[in-house]
């Protein structure tokens, strides 16, 4: 059931697709990612406060920028999974999968017969708003265009990898090192040997059963998974980038500050000139303006 868009893009790259996560409604981030040739944008609905309406708008923007969209569902229940599938997203991923029956439920709610039992609504984005094509063709295209993934985040799921890979209608499994680190008693240590071995185990099972595989890693660790044949790799996200940029800015400001001057009654930032705005009220503060671009954050 692999999406033609996913497979075509992967073949053109001759390697894994690279993605970034998006935890807030931020079209600017999407457009910037496209300019740096990112392949997939992960829209986070399990942990974020984004609405389904915002997710659908992001799917439109992502598609318009030439990328693929992935939505991590809050759950695989029918009302959640069906409505999310109607957004026309490219990849739907269900979190915390522990048993094949949970993946079977996802397939039933999001694929049309004969693969599933999805309810029919002709005028959704996923069906092209019902324009031109006969109903049978619209349903076939929807099944072909949608990829379904399950996320492996527990020891129970690791014990059932082979069973999970054999669920009809599921395209891939995504290994979640964050929750796996907690499962192994080393929370946050995503490069711990036991966590890395678990991700390798999932990758091997996917390859054995001809399923797609994915995970999250730091950009500096990406070569490890690329060499092992991973299909989908997420290497960062918008909140992480914002935090790193803010940390860089704070560090540069601290490093550029000169010692306090008793004569001026306070510290002064090196390379910063004070601008008098000319306001009549004497209590209004002056504004600091950097003299050069070297004071701006240079890393993300």
Protein backbone atom coordinates (compact mmCIF):
# COMPACT_ATOMS: atom_id res chain seq x y z
CA UNK A 1 0.00 0.00 0.00
CA UNK A 2 3.06 2.25 -0.08
CA UNK A 3 2.32 5.76 -1.30
CA UNK A 4 3.57 6.39 -4.81
CA UNK A 5 4.65 9.87 -3.74
CA UNK A 6 6.81 8.47 -0.96
CA UNK A 7 8.38 5.77 -3.12
CA UNK A 8 9.00 8.11 -6.05
CA UNK A 9 10.70 10.67 -3.83
CA UNK A 10 12.82 8.02 -2.15
CA UNK A 11 13.98 6.60 -5.47
CA UNK A 12 14.89 10.06 -6.74
CA UNK A 13 17.10 10.59 -3.68
CA UNK A 14 18.54 7.07 -3.65
CA UNK A 15 18.39 7.19 0.12
CA UNK A 16 16.13 7.92 3.09
CA UNK A 17 13.69 10.79 3.24
CA UNK A 18 14.69 13.44 5.79
CA UNK A 19 12.13 15.22 7.92
CA UNK A 20 11.57 17.89 10.57
CA UNK A 21 8.91 17.98 13.26
CA UNK A 22 6.42 20.82 13.66
CA UNK A 23 4.81 21.28 17.07
CA UNK A 24 3.12 24.64 16.46
CA UNK A 25 1.18 26.14 13.58
CA UNK A 26 4.05 27.78 11.71
CA UNK A 27 3.76 28.09 7.90
CA UNK A 28 6.98 30.13 7.77
CA UNK A 29 8.93 27.19 9.20
CA UNK A 30 7.42 24.95 6.53
CA UNK A 31 8.49 27.27 3.72
CA UNK A 32 12.01 27.59 5.12
CA UNK A 33 12.28 23.80 5.42
CA UNK A 34 11.28 23.41 1.78
CA UNK A 35 14.04 25.81 0.70
CA UNK A 36 16.56 23.54 2.45
CA UNK A 37 15.20 20.51 0.56
CA UNK A 38 13.54 18.77 3.52
CA UNK A 39 11.33 15.89 2.37
CA UNK A 40 8.74 15.41 5.13
CA UNK A 41 7.15 17.61 7.78
CA UNK A 42 5.86 15.84 10.90
CA UNK A 43 2.74 17.56 12.27
CA UNK A 44 2.56 16.75 15.97
CA UNK A 45 -0.97 16.18 17.29
CA UNK A 46 -0.28 13.73 20.11
CA UNK A 47 1.50 16.16 22.43
CA UNK A 48 0.88 19.61 20.94
CA UNK A 49 -2.11 21.93 21.23
CA UNK A 50 -2.60 22.24 17.47
CA UNK A 51 -6.12 21.69 16.18
CA UNK A 52 -7.14 19.36 13.38
CA UNK A 53 -8.14 22.41 11.35
CA UNK A 54 -4.62 23.80 11.69
CA UNK A 55 -3.21 20.41 10.72
CA UNK A 56 -5.28 20.36 7.54
CA UNK A 57 -4.08 23.85 6.61
CA UNK A 58 -0.49 22.75 7.18
CA UNK A 59 -1.04 19.73 4.92
CA UNK A 60 -2.06 22.12 2.13
CA UNK A 61 0.99 24.32 2.69
CA UNK A 62 3.36 21.37 2.90
CA UNK A 63 1.98 19.91 -0.32
CA UNK A 64 2.22 23.30 -2.04
CA UNK A 65 5.89 23.46 -1.02
CA UNK A 66 6.57 20.11 -2.64
CA UNK A 67 7.02 18.10 0.55
CA UNK A 68 5.19 15.19 2.18
CA UNK A 69 3.15 15.53 5.36
CA UNK A 70 3.05 13.18 8.35
CA UNK A 71 0.59 13.49 11.22
CA UNK A 72 1.15 11.69 14.49
CA UNK A 73 -2.31 10.89 15.80
CA UNK A 74 -3.37 11.32 19.42
CA UNK A 75 -4.88 7.82 19.16
CA UNK A 76 -6.10 5.29 16.60
CA UNK A 77 -9.76 5.58 17.63
CA UNK A 78 -12.24 5.96 14.79
CA UNK A 79 -13.35 9.56 15.30
CA UNK A 80 -9.72 10.72 15.51
CA UNK A 81 -8.19 8.56 12.79
CA UNK A 82 -10.98 9.02 10.24
CA UNK A 83 -11.15 12.80 10.52
CA UNK A 84 -7.38 13.08 10.33
CA UNK A 85 -7.29 10.90 7.22
CA UNK A 86 -9.75 13.29 5.57
CA UNK A 87 -7.14 16.08 5.74
CA UNK A 88 -5.35 14.48 2.78
CA UNK A 89 -2.20 13.85 4.81
CA UNK A 90 0.42 11.62 3.17
CA UNK A 91 1.40 9.58 6.25
CA UNK A 92 -0.65 8.76 9.34
CA UNK A 93 1.23 7.43 12.35
CA UNK A 94 -0.36 5.92 15.44
CA UNK A 95 1.63 6.20 18.69
CA UNK A 96 2.31 3.64 21.41
CA UNK A 97 1.39 0.57 19.39
CA UNK A 98 1.64 -2.60 21.47
CA UNK A 99 -0.55 -5.19 19.73
CA UNK A 100 -1.46 -6.06 16.12
CA UNK A 101 -5.13 -5.40 16.89
CA UNK A 102 -4.33 -1.70 17.36
CA UNK A 103 -2.84 -1.49 13.88
CA UNK A 104 -5.76 -3.46 12.47
CA UNK A 105 -8.08 -0.87 14.02
CA UNK A 106 -6.11 1.92 12.33
CA UNK A 107 -6.41 0.18 8.94
CA UNK A 108 -10.13 -0.39 9.39
CA UNK A 109 -10.83 3.28 10.14
CA UNK A 110 -8.64 4.86 7.45
CA UNK A 111 -8.67 2.56 4.41
CA UNK A 112 -11.64 2.00 2.12
CA UNK A 113 -12.90 -1.52 1.35
CA UNK A 114 -11.63 -4.06 0.60
CA UNK A 115 -8.58 -3.11 2.73
CA UNK A 116 -10.61 -1.45 5.49
CA UNK A 117 -14.02 -0.16 6.54
CA UNK A 118 -13.55 3.59 6.19
CA UNK A 119 -16.75 5.62 5.99
CA UNK A 120 -17.21 7.45 2.72
CA UNK A 121 -17.42 11.24 2.41
CA UNK A 122 -16.91 12.45 -1.14
CA UNK A 123 -16.06 16.10 -0.44
CA UNK A 124 -13.00 15.83 1.76
CA UNK A 125 -9.55 17.03 0.73
CA UNK A 126 -8.34 13.43 0.75
CA UNK A 127 -10.75 12.64 -2.09
CA UNK A 128 -10.05 15.78 -4.09
CA UNK A 129 -13.42 17.22 -3.07
CA UNK A 130 -15.13 14.67 -5.31
CA UNK A 131 -14.19 16.45 -8.53
CA UNK A 132 -14.35 14.56 -11.85
CA UNK A 133 -13.48 11.02 -10.83
CA UNK A 134 -16.01 8.20 -10.23
CA UNK A 135 -16.42 7.16 -6.61
CA UNK A 136 -14.63 3.86 -7.09
CA UNK A 137 -11.58 5.67 -8.46
CA UNK A 138 -11.60 8.23 -5.65
CA UNK A 139 -11.57 5.47 -3.05
CA UNK A 140 -8.77 3.61 -4.82
CA UNK A 141 -6.64 6.75 -5.04
CA UNK A 142 -7.21 7.53 -1.36
CA UNK A 143 -6.02 4.05 -0.39
CA UNK A 144 -2.99 4.35 -2.68
CA UNK A 145 -1.99 7.84 -1.49
CA UNK A 146 -2.19 7.22 2.26
CA UNK A 147 0.63 5.54 4.18
CA UNK A 148 -0.06 4.04 7.60
CA UNK A 149 2.68 3.64 10.19
CA UNK A 150 2.77 2.39 13.76
CA UNK A 151 5.15 3.75 16.36
CA UNK A 152 7.22 1.33 18.47
CA UNK A 153 7.86 2.83 21.90
CA UNK A 154 7.51 0.00 24.44
CA UNK A 155 9.14 -3.31 25.35
CA UNK A 156 5.86 -5.05 24.64
CA UNK A 157 5.89 -3.75 21.07
CA UNK A 158 9.51 -4.87 20.63
CA UNK A 159 8.49 -8.40 21.60
CA UNK A 160 5.82 -8.38 18.86
CA UNK A 161 7.76 -6.77 16.02
CA UNK A 162 7.25 -9.67 13.64
CA UNK A 163 3.48 -9.76 14.30
CA UNK A 164 3.18 -6.00 13.87
CA UNK A 165 5.05 -6.07 10.58
CA UNK A 166 2.63 -8.64 9.22
CA UNK A 167 -0.53 -6.55 9.65
CA UNK A 168 -2.10 -6.02 6.22
CA UNK A 169 -2.47 -2.40 5.21
CA UNK A 170 0.39 -1.13 7.39
CA UNK A 171 3.30 0.37 5.46
CA UNK A 172 5.94 0.90 8.09
CA UNK A 173 7.06 1.00 11.71
CA UNK A 174 8.67 4.01 13.35
CA UNK A 175 11.05 3.44 16.24
CA UNK A 176 10.66 6.02 19.03
CA UNK A 177 13.98 6.23 20.94
CA UNK A 178 12.64 8.74 23.45
CA UNK A 179 10.02 6.47 25.01
CA UNK A 180 12.19 3.40 24.45
CA UNK A 181 14.85 5.03 26.62
CA UNK A 182 12.26 5.35 29.39
CA UNK A 183 11.19 1.74 28.87
CA UNK A 184 14.79 0.64 29.43
CA UNK A 185 15.16 2.79 32.55
CA UNK A 186 17.51 5.33 30.96
CA UNK A 187 15.12 8.21 30.21
CA UNK A 188 16.48 10.72 27.74
CA UNK A 189 19.55 8.65 26.88
CA UNK A 190 18.50 8.01 23.30
CA UNK A 191 22.00 6.90 22.26
CA UNK A 192 22.27 4.36 25.07
CA UNK A 193 23.43 0.97 23.77
CA UNK A 194 20.15 -0.77 24.68
CA UNK A 195 18.08 1.88 22.94
CA UNK A 196 20.22 1.82 19.80
CA UNK A 197 20.02 -1.99 19.74
CA UNK A 198 16.23 -1.79 19.99
CA UNK A 199 16.05 0.58 17.03
CA UNK A 200 18.33 -1.76 15.07
CA UNK A 201 16.05 -4.67 15.96
CA UNK A 202 13.04 -2.79 14.63
CA UNK A 203 14.85 -1.84 11.45
CA UNK A 204 15.88 -5.45 10.84
CA UNK A 205 12.33 -6.70 11.35
CA UNK A 206 10.96 -4.13 8.90
CA UNK A 207 13.52 -5.16 6.30
CA UNK A 208 12.74 -8.83 6.81
CA UNK A 209 9.02 -8.24 6.24
CA UNK A 210 9.50 -5.65 3.48
CA UNK A 211 8.08 -2.76 5.51
CA UNK A 212 9.34 0.81 5.64
CA UNK A 213 11.27 1.89 8.72
CA UNK A 214 11.91 5.21 10.43
CA UNK A 215 13.35 6.82 13.54
CA UNK A 216 14.55 10.09 15.09
CA UNK A 217 18.19 11.00 15.61
CA UNK A 218 20.62 13.88 15.86
CA UNK A 219 21.98 15.06 12.50
CA UNK A 220 25.46 13.95 13.56
CA UNK A 221 24.19 10.37 14.04
CA UNK A 222 22.28 10.16 10.77
CA UNK A 223 25.04 8.34 8.84
CA UNK A 224 24.67 5.33 11.15
CA UNK A 225 21.05 4.80 10.17
CA UNK A 226 21.50 5.75 6.53
CA UNK A 227 24.17 3.05 6.21
CA UNK A 228 21.76 0.51 7.68
CA UNK A 229 19.04 1.29 5.17
CA UNK A 230 16.57 3.40 7.14
CA UNK A 231 13.74 4.82 5.00
CA UNK A 232 12.62 7.87 7.01
CA UNK A 233 14.78 9.94 9.33
CA UNK A 234 13.71 12.94 11.43
CA UNK A 235 16.62 15.09 12.57
CA UNK A 236 15.13 18.10 14.38
CA UNK A 237 12.09 20.31 14.84
CA UNK A 238 10.88 23.86 15.12
CA UNK A 239 10.81 24.14 18.93
CA UNK A 240 14.30 22.66 19.16
CA UNK A 241 15.53 25.17 16.58
CA UNK A 242 13.95 28.09 18.43
CA UNK A 243 15.57 27.01 21.70
CA UNK A 244 19.01 26.59 20.10
CA UNK A 245 18.76 29.99 18.41
CA UNK A 246 17.77 31.62 21.70
CA UNK A 247 20.63 29.88 23.54
CA UNK A 248 23.08 31.05 20.87
CA UNK A 249 21.81 34.62 21.09
CA UNK A 250 22.00 34.62 24.90
CA UNK A 251 25.54 33.22 24.83
CA UNK A 252 26.71 35.77 22.26
CA UNK A 253 25.21 38.61 24.28
CA UNK A 254 26.87 37.37 27.47
CA UNK A 255 30.22 36.92 25.74
CA UNK A 256 30.11 40.37 24.18
CA UNK A 257 29.19 42.24 27.39
CA UNK A 258 31.98 44.33 28.89
CA UNK A 259 32.52 44.78 32.68
CA UNK A 260 30.15 47.26 34.39
CA UNK A 261 31.20 50.91 34.28
CA UNK A 262 30.80 52.79 37.55
CA UNK A 263 30.78 56.10 35.70
CA UNK A 264 27.84 55.02 33.54
CA UNK A 265 26.10 53.24 36.37
CA UNK A 266 25.72 49.85 34.67
CA UNK A 267 26.89 47.31 32.14
CA UNK A 268 27.14 48.09 28.45
CA UNK A 269 26.99 45.58 25.58
CA UNK A 270 30.13 45.70 23.48
CA UNK A 271 29.54 46.97 19.96
CA UNK A 272 26.17 48.50 20.81
CA UNK A 273 25.34 52.14 20.43
CA UNK A 274 22.57 53.88 22.31
CA UNK A 275 19.91 55.63 20.31
CA UNK A 276 18.02 58.55 21.77
CA UNK A 277 14.49 58.31 20.39
CA UNK A 278 13.84 61.95 21.23
CA UNK A 279 10.71 61.33 23.31
CA UNK A 280 9.71 64.26 25.50
CA UNK A 281 9.18 62.04 28.53
CA UNK A 282 12.57 61.72 30.26
CA UNK A 283 11.69 58.43 31.98
CA UNK A 284 11.43 56.51 28.69
CA UNK A 285 14.35 54.10 28.16
CA UNK A 286 16.77 54.29 25.29
CA UNK A 287 16.99 51.43 22.76
CA UNK A 288 20.05 49.29 22.10
CA UNK A 289 20.89 48.62 18.45
CA UNK A 290 23.59 46.15 17.34
CA UNK A 291 26.26 47.75 15.19
CA UNK A 292 26.89 44.69 13.05
CA UNK A 293 25.41 41.42 11.87
CA UNK A 294 27.97 39.49 13.92
CA UNK A 295 25.73 39.94 16.92
CA UNK A 296 22.92 37.93 15.35
CA UNK A 297 22.51 34.15 15.92
CA UNK A 298 24.42 32.18 13.32
CA UNK A 299 23.44 28.65 14.32
CA UNK A 300 20.19 26.72 14.55
